[in-house]
C-alpha atoms as a PDB file:
ATOM      1  CA  UNK A   1      40.490 163.953  64.295  1.00  0.00           C
ATOM      2  CA  UNK A   2      43.026 161.466  65.529  1.00  0.00           C
ATOM      3  CA  UNK A   3      40.975 158.608  64.023  1.00  0.00           C
ATOM      4  CA  UNK A   4      40.921 160.375  60.691  1.00  0.00           C
ATOM      5  CA  UNK A   5      44.710 160.726  60.682  1.00  0.00           C
ATOM      6  CA  UNK A   6      45.183 157.066  61.401  1.00  0.00           C
ATOM      7  CA  UNK A   7      42.901 156.008  58.585  1.00  0.00           C
ATOM      8  CA  UNK A   8      44.639 158.347  56.163  1.00  0.00           C
ATOM      9  CA  UNK A   9      48.017 156.905  57.250  1.00  0.00           C
ATOM     10  CA  UNK A  10      46.778 153.393  56.637  1.00  0.00           C
ATOM     11  CA  UNK A  11      45.508 154.286  53.176  1.00  0.00           C
ATOM     12  CA  UNK A  12      48.832 155.935  52.392  1.00  0.00           C
ATOM     13  CA  UNK A  13      50.720 152.790  53.442  1.00  0.00           C
ATOM     14  CA  UNK A  14      48.558 150.552  51.299  1.00  0.00           C
ATOM     15  CA  UNK A  15      48.900 152.758  48.262  1.00  0.00           C
ATOM     16  CA  UNK A  16      52.641 153.117  48.638  1.00  0.00           C
ATOM     17  CA  UNK A  17      53.104 149.359  48.950  1.00  0.00           C
ATOM     18  CA  UNK A  18      50.760 148.455  46.103  1.00  0.00           C
ATOM     19  CA  UNK A  19      53.515 148.478  43.505  1.00  0.00           C
ATOM     20  CA  UNK A  20      56.294 147.064  45.651  1.00  0.00           C
ATOM     21  CA  UNK A  21      57.372 143.419  45.451  1.00  0.00           C
ATOM     22  CA  UNK A  22      57.725 142.134  49.014  1.00  0.00           C
ATOM     23  CA  UNK A  23      60.024 139.127  49.669  1.00  0.00           C
ATOM     24  CA  UNK A  24      58.527 136.484  51.954  1.00  0.00           C
ATOM     25  CA  UNK A  25      60.358 136.315  55.315  1.00  0.00           C
ATOM     26  CA  UNK A  26      61.368 132.683  54.974  1.00  0.00           C
ATOM     27  CA  UNK A  27      64.908 133.092  56.448  1.00  0.00           C
ATOM     28  CA  UNK A  28      63.559 133.033  60.012  1.00  0.00           C
ATOM     29  CA  UNK A  29      61.945 129.624  59.583  1.00  0.00           C
ATOM     30  CA  UNK A  30      65.199 128.241  58.136  1.00  0.00           C
ATOM     31  CA  UNK A  31      67.016 129.180  61.371  1.00  0.00           C
ATOM     32  CA  UNK A  32      64.586 126.995  63.295  1.00  0.00           C
ATOM     33  CA  UNK A  33      64.371 124.231  60.730  1.00  0.00           C
ATOM     34  CA  UNK A  34      66.277 121.678  62.851  1.00  0.00           C
ATOM     35  CA  UNK A  35      63.601 122.002  65.533  1.00  0.00           C
ATOM     36  CA  UNK A  36      60.756 121.802  62.962  1.00  0.00           C
ATOM     37  CA  UNK A  37      61.891 118.276  62.086  1.00  0.00           C
ATOM     38  CA  UNK A  38      60.857 117.059  65.516  1.00  0.00           C
ATOM     39  CA  UNK A  39      57.542 118.901  65.955  1.00  0.00           C
ATOM     40  CA  UNK A  40      56.337 119.230  62.376  1.00  0.00           C
ATOM     41  CA  UNK A  41      56.153 122.591  60.680  1.00  0.00           C
ATOM     42  CA  UNK A  42      58.008 125.502  62.215  1.00  0.00           C
ATOM     43  CA  UNK A  43      55.800 127.890  64.188  1.00  0.00           C
ATOM     44  CA  UNK A  44      55.928 131.228  62.442  1.00  0.00           C
ATOM     45  CA  UNK A  45      54.893 132.965  65.626  1.00  0.00           C
ATOM     46  CA  UNK A  46      57.789 131.471  67.642  1.00  0.00           C
ATOM     47  CA  UNK A  47      60.437 133.923  66.524  1.00  0.00           C
ATOM     48  CA  UNK A  48      60.856 135.671  69.864  1.00  0.00           C
ATOM     49  CA  UNK A  49      62.923 134.963  72.964  1.00  0.00           C
ATOM     50  CA  UNK A  50      60.810 131.975  74.006  1.00  0.00           C
ATOM     51  CA  UNK A  51      61.457 130.134  70.745  1.00  0.00           C
ATOM     52  CA  UNK A  52      65.196 130.855  71.022  1.00  0.00           C
ATOM     53  CA  UNK A  53      65.468 129.608  74.592  1.00  0.00           C
ATOM     54  CA  UNK A  54      63.557 126.443  73.699  1.00  0.00           C
ATOM     55  CA  UNK A  55      66.000 125.727  70.889  1.00  0.00           C
ATOM     56  CA  UNK A  56      68.992 126.272  73.198  1.00  0.00           C
ATOM     57  CA  UNK A  57      67.519 123.860  75.731  1.00  0.00           C
ATOM     58  CA  UNK A  58      67.055 121.325  72.979  1.00  0.00           C
ATOM     59  CA  UNK A  59      70.769 121.559  72.069  1.00  0.00           C
ATOM     60  CA  UNK A  60      71.810 120.942  75.693  1.00  0.00           C
ATOM     61  CA  UNK A  61      69.548 117.902  75.926  1.00  0.00           C
ATOM     62  CA  UNK A  62      71.054 116.421  72.761  1.00  0.00           C
ATOM     63  CA  UNK A  63      74.690 116.777  73.981  1.00  0.00           C
ATOM     64  CA  UNK A  64      76.344 113.362  74.112  1.00  0.00           C
ATOM     65  CA  UNK A  65      78.135 112.698  77.434  1.00  0.00           C
ATOM     66  CA  UNK A  66      80.212 109.902  75.883  1.00  0.00           C
ATOM     67  CA  UNK A  67      82.486 112.540  74.332  1.00  0.00           C
ATOM     68  CA  UNK A  68      84.009 112.826  77.806  1.00  0.00           C
ATOM     69  CA  UNK A  69      85.347 109.268  77.494  1.00  0.00           C
ATOM     70  CA  UNK A  70      87.249 110.019  74.306  1.00  0.00           C
ATOM     71  CA  UNK A  71      88.993 113.012  75.846  1.00  0.00           C
ATOM     72  CA  UNK A  72      89.718 111.085  79.030  1.00  0.00           C
ATOM     73  CA  UNK A  73      91.344 108.171  77.231  1.00  0.00           C
ATOM     74  CA  UNK A  74      93.562 110.565  75.277  1.00  0.00           C
ATOM     75  CA  UNK A  75      94.750 112.090  78.579  1.00  0.00           C
ATOM     76  CA  UNK A  76      95.347 108.655  80.087  1.00  0.00           C
ATOM     77  CA  UNK A  77      97.505 107.668  77.110  1.00  0.00           C
ATOM     78  CA  UNK A  78      99.473 110.899  77.443  1.00  0.00           C
ATOM     79  CA  UNK A  79     100.055 110.133  81.132  1.00  0.00           C
ATOM     80  CA  UNK A  80     101.431 106.699  80.294  1.00  0.00           C
ATOM     81  CA  UNK A  81     103.829 108.169  77.742  1.00  0.00           C
ATOM     82  CA  UNK A  82     105.163 110.656  80.309  1.00  0.00           C
ATOM     83  CA  UNK A  83     105.516 107.842  82.837  1.00  0.00           C
ATOM     84  CA  UNK A  84     107.581 105.784  80.394  1.00  0.00           C
ATOM     85  CA  UNK A  85     109.917 108.742  79.883  1.00  0.00           C
ATOM     86  CA  UNK A  86     110.243 109.166  83.645  1.00  0.00           C
ATOM     87  CA  UNK A  87     111.063 105.470  84.022  1.00  0.00           C
ATOM     88  CA  UNK A  88     113.851 105.771  81.453  1.00  0.00           C
ATOM     89  CA  UNK A  89     115.330 108.759  83.294  1.00  0.00           C
ATOM     90  CA  UNK A  90     115.050 107.167  86.733  1.00  0.00           C
ATOM     91  CA  UNK A  91     116.671 103.910  85.604  1.00  0.00           C
ATOM     92  CA  UNK A  92     119.738 105.864  84.556  1.00  0.00           C
ATOM     93  CA  UNK A  93     120.316 106.801  88.176  1.00  0.00           C
ATOM     94  CA  UNK A  94     123.575 108.711  88.495  1.00  0.00           C
ATOM     95  CA  UNK A  95     124.045 108.348  84.734  1.00  0.00           C
ATOM     96  CA  UNK A  96     121.130 110.669  84.060  1.00  0.00           C
ATOM     97  CA  UNK A  97     122.456 113.793  82.273  1.00  0.00           C
ATOM     98  CA  UNK A  98     119.757 115.836  84.050  1.00  0.00           C
ATOM     99  CA  UNK A  99     121.143 114.985  87.477  1.00  0.00           C
ATOM    100  CA  UNK A 100     122.733 118.424  87.900  1.00  0.00           C
ATOM    101  CA  UNK A 101     119.917 120.480  86.399  1.00  0.00           C
ATOM    102  CA  UNK A 102     118.472 121.675  89.717  1.00  0.00           C
ATOM    103  CA  UNK A 103     121.783 122.533  91.349  1.00  0.00           C
ATOM    104  CA  UNK A 104     122.233 126.157  92.379  1.00  0.00           C
ATOM    105  CA  UNK A 105     125.581 127.644  91.342  1.00  0.00           C
ATOM    106  CA  UNK A 106     126.782 130.728  93.177  1.00  0.00           C
ATOM    107  CA  UNK A 107     128.545 133.380  91.087  1.00  0.00           C
ATOM    108  CA  UNK A 108     129.433 136.771  92.572  1.00  0.00           C
ATOM    109  CA  UNK A 109     127.298 135.845  95.597  1.00  0.00           C
ATOM    110  CA  UNK A 110     124.215 135.370  93.420  1.00  0.00           C
ATOM    111  CA  UNK A 111     122.554 131.969  92.806  1.00  0.00           C
ATOM    112  CA  UNK A 112     122.177 130.695  89.242  1.00  0.00           C
ATOM    113  CA  UNK A 113     120.448 127.596  87.897  1.00  0.00           C
ATOM    114  CA  UNK A 114     122.951 125.052  86.589  1.00  0.00           C
ATOM    115  CA  UNK A 115     121.281 124.838  83.162  1.00  0.00           C
ATOM    116  CA  UNK A 116     121.817 128.575  82.583  1.00  0.00           C
ATOM    117  CA  UNK A 117     125.578 128.042  82.894  1.00  0.00           C
ATOM    118  CA  UNK A 118     126.256 124.567  81.482  1.00  0.00           C
ATOM    119  CA  UNK A 119     124.829 121.427  79.904  1.00  0.00           C
ATOM    120  CA  UNK A 120     125.544 117.743  80.536  1.00  0.00           C
ATOM    121  CA  UNK A 121     125.842 114.707  78.257  1.00  0.00           C
ATOM    122  CA  UNK A 122     126.499 111.015  78.882  1.00  0.00           C
ATOM    123  CA  UNK A 123     129.609 109.559  77.266  1.00  0.00           C
ATOM    124  CA  UNK A 124     130.494 105.990  78.190  1.00  0.00           C
ATOM    125  CA  UNK A 125     130.906 105.783  81.963  1.00  0.00           C
ATOM    126  CA  UNK A 126     131.337 109.541  82.300  1.00  0.00           C
ATOM    127  CA  UNK A 127     129.137 112.600  82.410  1.00  0.00           C
ATOM    128  CA  UNK A 128     130.602 115.450  80.379  1.00  0.00           C
ATOM    129  CA  UNK A 129     129.722 118.955  81.551  1.00  0.00           C
ATOM    130  CA  UNK A 130     130.177 121.680  78.959  1.00  0.00           C
ATOM    131  CA  UNK A 131     130.486 125.083  80.629  1.00  0.00           C
ATOM    132  CA  UNK A 132     129.324 128.021  78.534  1.00  0.00           C
ATOM    133  CA  UNK A 133     131.859 130.370  80.130  1.00  0.00           C
ATOM    134  CA  UNK A 134     135.175 128.774  81.245  1.00  0.00           C
ATOM    135  CA  UNK A 135     135.412 131.369  84.025  1.00  0.00           C
ATOM    136  CA  UNK A 136     132.487 129.628  85.722  1.00  0.00           C
ATOM    137  CA  UNK A 137     134.084 126.165  85.775  1.00  0.00           C
ATOM    138  CA  UNK A 138     135.381 126.457  89.349  1.00  0.00           C
ATOM    139  CA  UNK A 139     131.984 127.628  90.588  1.00  0.00           C
ATOM    140  CA  UNK A 140     130.293 124.625  88.975  1.00  0.00           C
ATOM    141  CA  UNK A 141     132.851 122.190  90.417  1.00  0.00           C
ATOM    142  CA  UNK A 142     132.240 123.610  93.895  1.00  0.00           C
ATOM    143  CA  UNK A 143     128.461 123.337  93.499  1.00  0.00           C
ATOM    144  CA  UNK A 144     128.609 119.699  92.304  1.00  0.00           C
ATOM    145  CA  UNK A 145     130.949 118.745  95.168  1.00  0.00           C
ATOM    146  CA  UNK A 146     128.590 120.360  97.660  1.00  0.00           C
ATOM    147  CA  UNK A 147     125.409 118.838  96.194  1.00  0.00           C
ATOM    148  CA  UNK A 148     125.638 115.570  98.110  1.00  0.00           C
ATOM    149  CA  UNK A 149     125.619 113.516  94.908  1.00  0.00           C
ATOM    150  CA  UNK A 150     129.036 111.992  95.701  1.00  0.00           C
ATOM    151  CA  UNK A 151     130.448 113.032  92.343  1.00  0.00           C
ATOM    152  CA  UNK A 152     133.795 114.590  91.621  1.00  0.00           C
ATOM    153  CA  UNK A 153     134.107 116.698  88.438  1.00  0.00           C
ATOM    154  CA  UNK A 154     137.532 116.765  86.817  1.00  0.00           C
ATOM    155  CA  UNK A 155     138.945 119.251  84.323  1.00  0.00           C
ATOM    156  CA  UNK A 156     139.619 117.941  80.825  1.00  0.00           C
ATOM    157  CA  UNK A 157     143.120 118.749  79.498  1.00  0.00           C
ATOM    158  CA  UNK A 158     143.105 121.148  76.534  1.00  0.00           C
ATOM    159  CA  UNK A 159     139.331 121.653  76.918  1.00  0.00           C
ATOM    160  CA  UNK A 160     138.815 124.444  79.472  1.00  0.00           C
ATOM    161  CA  UNK A 161     135.058 124.452  78.881  1.00  0.00           C
ATOM    162  CA  UNK A 162     134.623 120.774  79.743  1.00  0.00           C
ATOM    163  CA  UNK A 163     134.431 118.859  83.009  1.00  0.00           C
ATOM    164  CA  UNK A 164     134.457 115.055  83.257  1.00  0.00           C
ATOM    165  CA  UNK A 165     132.486 113.317  86.000  1.00  0.00           C
ATOM    166  CA  UNK A 166     133.352 109.600  86.361  1.00  0.00           C
ATOM    167  CA  UNK A 167     130.310 107.503  87.204  1.00  0.00           C
ATOM    168  CA  UNK A 168     130.542 105.113  90.154  1.00  0.00           C
ATOM    169  CA  UNK A 169     129.805 101.444  89.361  1.00  0.00           C
ATOM    170  CA  UNK A 170     126.248 100.378  90.272  1.00  0.00           C
ATOM    171  CA  UNK A 171     125.872  98.630  93.621  1.00  0.00           C
ATOM    172  CA  UNK A 172     123.079  96.708  95.322  1.00  0.00           C
ATOM    173  CA  UNK A 173     122.358  99.807  97.382  1.00  0.00           C
ATOM    174  CA  UNK A 174     122.101 102.133  94.392  1.00  0.00           C
ATOM    175  CA  UNK A 175     119.853  99.646  92.575  1.00  0.00           C
ATOM    176  CA  UNK A 176     117.462  99.596  95.527  1.00  0.00           C
ATOM    177  CA  UNK A 177     117.471 103.391  95.614  1.00  0.00           C
ATOM    178  CA  UNK A 178     116.483 103.443  91.943  1.00  0.00           C
ATOM    179  CA  UNK A 179     113.712 100.914  92.635  1.00  0.00           C
ATOM    180  CA  UNK A 180     112.374 103.136  95.430  1.00  0.00           C
ATOM    181  CA  UNK A 181     112.307 106.112  93.086  1.00  0.00           C
ATOM    182  CA  UNK A 182     110.482 104.041  90.455  1.00  0.00           C
ATOM    183  CA  UNK A 183     107.796 103.208  93.044  1.00  0.00           C
ATOM    184  CA  UNK A 184     107.526 106.868  93.995  1.00  0.00           C
ATOM    185  CA  UNK A 185     107.124 107.834  90.331  1.00  0.00           C
ATOM    186  CA  UNK A 186     104.417 105.186  89.883  1.00  0.00           C
ATOM    187  CA  UNK A 187     102.418 106.449  92.884  1.00  0.00           C
ATOM    188  CA  UNK A 188     102.737 110.015  91.635  1.00  0.00           C
ATOM    189  CA  UNK A 189     101.480 109.182  88.154  1.00  0.00           C
ATOM    190  CA  UNK A 190      98.586 107.118  89.485  1.00  0.00           C
ATOM    191  CA  UNK A 191      97.211 109.281  92.254  1.00  0.00           C
ATOM    192  CA  UNK A 192      98.422 112.820  92.926  1.00  0.00           C
ATOM    193  CA  UNK A 193      97.768 116.437  92.017  1.00  0.00           C
ATOM    194  CA  UNK A 194     100.304 116.254  89.196  1.00  0.00           C
ATOM    195  CA  UNK A 195      98.835 117.373  85.874  1.00  0.00           C
ATOM    196  CA  UNK A 196      99.862 114.062  84.263  1.00  0.00           C
ATOM    197  CA  UNK A 197      98.426 111.875  87.044  1.00  0.00           C
ATOM    198  CA  UNK A 198      95.622 109.492  86.086  1.00  0.00           C
ATOM    199  CA  UNK A 199      93.604 110.692  89.073  1.00  0.00           C
ATOM    200  CA  UNK A 200      93.806 114.287  87.832  1.00  0.00           C
ATOM    201  CA  UNK A 201      92.373 113.324  84.440  1.00  0.00           C
ATOM    202  CA  UNK A 202      89.626 111.230  86.081  1.00  0.00           C
ATOM    203  CA  UNK A 203      88.600 114.104  88.374  1.00  0.00           C
ATOM    204  CA  UNK A 204      88.386 116.490  85.401  1.00  0.00           C
ATOM    205  CA  UNK A 205      86.181 114.025  83.494  1.00  0.00           C
ATOM    206  CA  UNK A 206      83.781 113.523  86.415  1.00  0.00           C
ATOM    207  CA  UNK A 207      83.567 117.274  86.899  1.00  0.00           C
ATOM    208  CA  UNK A 208      82.713 117.760  83.232  1.00  0.00           C
ATOM    209  CA  UNK A 209      79.956 115.136  83.471  1.00  0.00           C
ATOM    210  CA  UNK A 210      78.234 117.260  86.109  1.00  0.00           C
ATOM    211  CA  UNK A 211      77.580 119.898  83.421  1.00  0.00           C
ATOM    212  CA  UNK A 212      75.233 117.479  81.635  1.00  0.00           C
ATOM    213  CA  UNK A 213      71.635 116.876  82.662  1.00  0.00           C
ATOM    214  CA  UNK A 214      71.239 113.900  84.984  1.00  0.00           C
ATOM    215  CA  UNK A 215      70.136 110.760  83.226  1.00  0.00           C
ATOM    216  CA  UNK A 216      70.819 107.034  82.991  1.00  0.00           C
ATOM    217  CA  UNK A 217      73.381 107.815  80.277  1.00  0.00           C
ATOM    218  CA  UNK A 218      75.384 109.942  82.721  1.00  0.00           C
ATOM    219  CA  UNK A 219      75.467 107.091  85.250  1.00  0.00           C
ATOM    220  CA  UNK A 220      76.725 104.700  82.585  1.00  0.00           C
ATOM    221  CA  UNK A 221      79.454 107.103  81.443  1.00  0.00           C
ATOM    222  CA  UNK A 222      80.523 107.642  85.075  1.00  0.00           C
ATOM    223  CA  UNK A 223      80.947 103.884  85.435  1.00  0.00           C
ATOM    224  CA  UNK A 224      82.900 103.791  82.189  1.00  0.00           C
ATOM    225  CA  UNK A 225      85.214 106.496  83.547  1.00  0.00           C
ATOM    226  CA  UNK A 226      86.063 104.246  86.507  1.00  0.00           C
ATOM    227  CA  UNK A 227      86.611 101.269  84.196  1.00  0.00           C
ATOM    228  CA  UNK A 228      89.037 103.296  82.079  1.00  0.00           C
ATOM    229  CA  UNK A 229      90.855 104.456  85.212  1.00  0.00           C
ATOM    230  CA  UNK A 230      91.237 100.829  86.331  1.00  0.00           C
ATOM    231  CA  UNK A 231      92.466  99.761  82.889  1.00  0.00           C
ATOM    232  CA  UNK A 232      95.172 102.422  82.652  1.00  0.00           C
ATOM    233  CA  UNK A 233      96.134 102.073  86.330  1.00  0.00           C
ATOM    234  CA  UNK A 234      96.862  98.390  85.673  1.00  0.00           C
ATOM    235  CA  UNK A 235      98.912  99.278  82.596  1.00  0.00           C
ATOM    236  CA  UNK A 236     100.813 101.892  84.603  1.00  0.00           C
ATOM    237  CA  UNK A 237     101.573  99.297  87.281  1.00  0.00           C
ATOM    238  CA  UNK A 238     102.739  96.752  84.687  1.00  0.00           C
ATOM    239  CA  UNK A 239     105.228  99.284  83.310  1.00  0.00           C
ATOM    240  CA  UNK A 240     106.494 100.004  86.819  1.00  0.00           C
ATOM    241  CA  UNK A 241     106.867  96.299  87.716  1.00  0.00           C
ATOM    242  CA  UNK A 242     108.790  95.587  84.517  1.00  0.00           C
ATOM    243  CA  UNK A 243     111.180  98.496  85.188  1.00  0.00           C
ATOM    244  CA  UNK A 244     111.642  97.466  88.827  1.00  0.00           C
ATOM    245  CA  UNK A 245     112.460  93.900  87.812  1.00  0.00           C
ATOM    246  CA  UNK A 246     115.064  95.032  85.254  1.00  0.00           C
ATOM    247  CA  UNK A 247     116.777  97.203  87.879  1.00  0.00           C
ATOM    248  CA  UNK A 248     116.904  94.603  90.659  1.00  0.00           C
ATOM    249  CA  UNK A 249     117.824  91.562  88.566  1.00  0.00           C
END
């Protein structure tokens, strides 16, 4: 009886489909067309999980490891730009308007960051501190005097929100201190855990290369990473040496 039902069902299906126009299932083969180029015609039977995994493996194998070099060089250039900005700030020494930025100012027995209360600008041989609230001027003067920077803020007549800080003339000692800081900045930008250090960018690139399948191409790119590191390390050092020379001359 069961066999009879099956046969009847099959006849019913054939009759019901006799007048229906069926579209060929060509969309599946289009999805795998890139792979068909390599092995000839696409296998109509390879539409399951095995065919999908094979295609994914093919994509991984075709990934170009040299893209790592492009990203690495962009990071190295960014590091050099940040180093140049740091050099400019360090060379200013005491004349750097950011010199007070990290000072803690106590108001009502609570510490406040200097930049939340005032801002500083360079004007001639003076630093001008503009206090947002004149009532905080005395607190800021006390904090600057106690900072160990050897600077003495003065009130500006008729401008209660301003403080003038005369800059001491540069000496041989201060020039050498600036040169020491320039060397420290150079070492930090070349090899440290700082996000703008060349070594940080190199480590990230080598780590990314490990995600690719091992091959001769990976070895070559790894060598190129080291060559780029050497190139930009030399450029970093040249910038440092030029800055050091201009400070000590």
